[in-house]
């Protein structure tokens, strides 16, 4: 049994976040809510998304797994408008997800959940932690996109730096510790990351006012942020680009 009602804006946000990495996903339903774990085909990036029942306007769930096509949800969103309520209900007899928006009802076939890999989430605990305002992070990403295909993030006791360098130009964005909401770093740490992945991740984060970045030396980047008007939480993991000697 799975039945839920959610606002169009919340569904759109979740679809955009998941679509950043994968075209299909496994929804793990419980009585407490829904969780999603996904890894991109190249195994460079991972998403862990947890939605408690309070994210939804109405929610009833029993343990089940549903494989869904994200493109089909995009089609549903194109039929809706801001403020709409979207009803979801799983029809186990016909193995379909019934979606209602306004006067339209769509019966969507689901994907065999057993065929969708649920990645094992690594225990990633980089030593450097900084809480950065989203508007600052977005500006830094925009500044680096035309310079190179990678970006270096550095945390030190004085603050956070984003650096990108091409053949002729370079861009640096520095946020001092007074400009960060939180900074915890015992010593200087830095890692280089693929800019296309990082840029798409940041663009998909639309309602969180800030993100918490966990950085280490040549270590996966951990990005923790809120979703659904801060009622849910998500984490992106991004593998570092290791510089060769």
Foldseek 3Di string as FASTA:
>chain_A
DKKFKAFLVQLVLVLLQVVLADQKWKWWWDQQGTWTWDAHPVRFKIKTWDFGCVLTPHIGTHTDIWMAGSVVSVVVSVVADGPWMKMWDADVVVQWIWIDTDPDIDTHHTDDRVPHDHDDDDPFAAQKKFKAFLVLVLVLLVVAPVADQKWKWKAAQQFIKIKHHHPPDIDIDTDGPVNTPDIGHPGMFMFMFGSSSVNSNSVSDDQWRIWMWGTHHQGWIWIKTAGSNNNIIMIMTGHTDDDDD
